[in-house]
Amino acid sequence: MSITQQHLLDTYRARRLGEPAPPAPGSHDWQVVREWRDEWQFRAVLAGRPARHRFRDALNRWRRRPT
């Protein structure tokens, strides 16, 4: 059974039972990514490391390098 089929089945069951419909698959993906990043930064601070944005910093260094 695919994710879409499971979602449709869960929606059908919720409607029959008068419950709110479940969220669509993938609707909270970015929220999960943000929470994971916040947790990583929090753990870095607790461990005494700087809570930096390594990927963003690397892009900025690449963009600002002399040509």
Foldseek 3Di string as FASTA:
>chain_A
DDLVVVLVVQQVVCVVVVHDRDDRPPPCVVVVVVVVLVVVLVVCVVVVHHSDDVVVVVVVCVVPDDD
